[in-house]
C-alpha cells in the first residue's frame, strides 16, 4: 500500500550523489507540519552525510502516498 512520503535531495554543485528519502506517513493526507518536518529532516541528513551547509542542499519535489522508492540511492528517515 502506498503510504510513504518521498523527496530527493541533491547539492548545488552536483558533486554529491542524490539521495531519495522516504518516511511512512502517519495519516492518508499528510499535514503541512508532517511534510515540513520530513523535508527538514531529509535536508539536514543530506547536509550532514555529505559535509555540506544546509543552504547548499537542493530539495526535490515532495510526494506523498508513494510506495517505497527503489531507484538510485534511497534512505529511510
Protein backbone atom coordinates (compact mmCIF):
# COMPACT_ATOMS: atom_id res chain seq x y z
CA UNK A 1 0.00 0.00 0.00
CA UNK A 2 1.46 3.40 -0.99
CA UNK A 3 1.74 5.27 2.26
CA UNK A 4 5.16 6.92 2.22
CA UNK A 5 6.39 10.46 1.77
CA UNK A 6 9.36 10.74 -0.62
CA UNK A 7 11.71 13.54 -1.60
CA UNK A 8 15.02 13.63 -3.44
CA UNK A 9 17.88 15.78 -2.14
CA UNK A 10 20.97 16.83 -4.08
CA UNK A 11 23.63 19.54 -3.91
CA UNK A 12 24.00 22.78 -5.84
CA UNK A 13 27.28 21.78 -7.48
CA UNK A 14 26.09 18.32 -8.48
CA UNK A 15 29.18 16.69 -6.96
CA UNK A 16 27.30 14.51 -4.45
CA UNK A 17 25.10 11.53 -5.25
CA UNK A 18 21.39 12.43 -4.96
CA UNK A 19 19.50 10.56 -2.24
CA UNK A 20 15.77 9.89 -2.24
CA UNK A 21 14.47 9.99 1.33
CA UNK A 22 11.29 8.28 2.48
CA UNK A 23 9.22 8.03 5.64
CA UNK A 24 5.97 6.28 6.49
CA UNK A 25 3.02 8.67 6.67
CA UNK A 26 1.04 8.87 9.90
CA UNK A 27 -2.22 9.51 8.05
CA UNK A 28 -3.59 9.25 4.47
CA UNK A 29 -3.49 13.03 3.96
CA UNK A 30 -0.20 14.46 5.20
CA UNK A 31 -0.39 17.69 7.21
CA UNK A 32 1.85 20.66 6.43
CA UNK A 33 3.59 20.11 9.78
CA UNK A 34 4.36 16.48 8.97
CA UNK A 35 5.58 17.20 5.44
CA UNK A 36 7.63 20.18 6.62
CA UNK A 37 9.31 18.13 9.35
CA UNK A 38 10.09 15.37 6.85
CA UNK A 39 11.67 17.84 4.40
CA UNK A 40 13.77 19.48 7.12
CA UNK A 41 14.94 16.10 8.46
CA UNK A 42 15.89 14.93 4.96
CA UNK A 43 17.69 18.17 4.18
CA UNK A 44 19.62 18.05 7.46
CA UNK A 45 20.56 14.40 6.96
CA UNK A 46 21.80 15.04 3.42
CA UNK A 47 23.90 18.02 4.51
CA UNK A 48 25.43 16.06 7.41
CA UNK A 49 26.09 12.95 5.30
CA UNK A 50 27.84 14.99 2.59
CA UNK A 51 29.55 17.55 4.86
CA UNK A 52 27.62 20.44 3.30
CA UNK A 53 25.99 23.55 4.67
CA UNK A 54 22.21 23.13 4.77
CA UNK A 55 21.82 26.03 2.32
CA UNK A 56 23.79 24.04 -0.29
CA UNK A 57 21.15 21.29 -0.39
CA UNK A 58 18.67 21.34 -3.26
CA UNK A 59 15.21 19.99 -2.39
CA UNK A 60 13.47 17.85 -4.98
CA UNK A 61 9.71 17.53 -5.37
CA UNK A 62 7.86 16.32 -2.27
CA UNK A 63 5.44 13.45 -2.91
CA UNK A 64 3.04 11.74 -0.56
CA UNK A 65 1.12 8.45 -0.79
CA UNK A 66 4.01 6.76 -2.59
CA UNK A 67 5.46 3.27 -2.42
CA UNK A 68 8.97 2.67 -1.12
CA UNK A 69 11.38 4.12 -3.70
CA UNK A 70 13.71 1.61 -5.35
CA UNK A 71 15.79 3.50 -7.91
CA UNK A 72 19.13 5.09 -7.08
CA UNK A 73 20.31 5.71 -3.54
CA UNK A 74 17.41 5.68 -1.04
CA UNK A 75 17.34 6.23 2.71
CA UNK A 76 14.55 5.90 5.26
CA UNK A 77 14.40 8.60 7.92
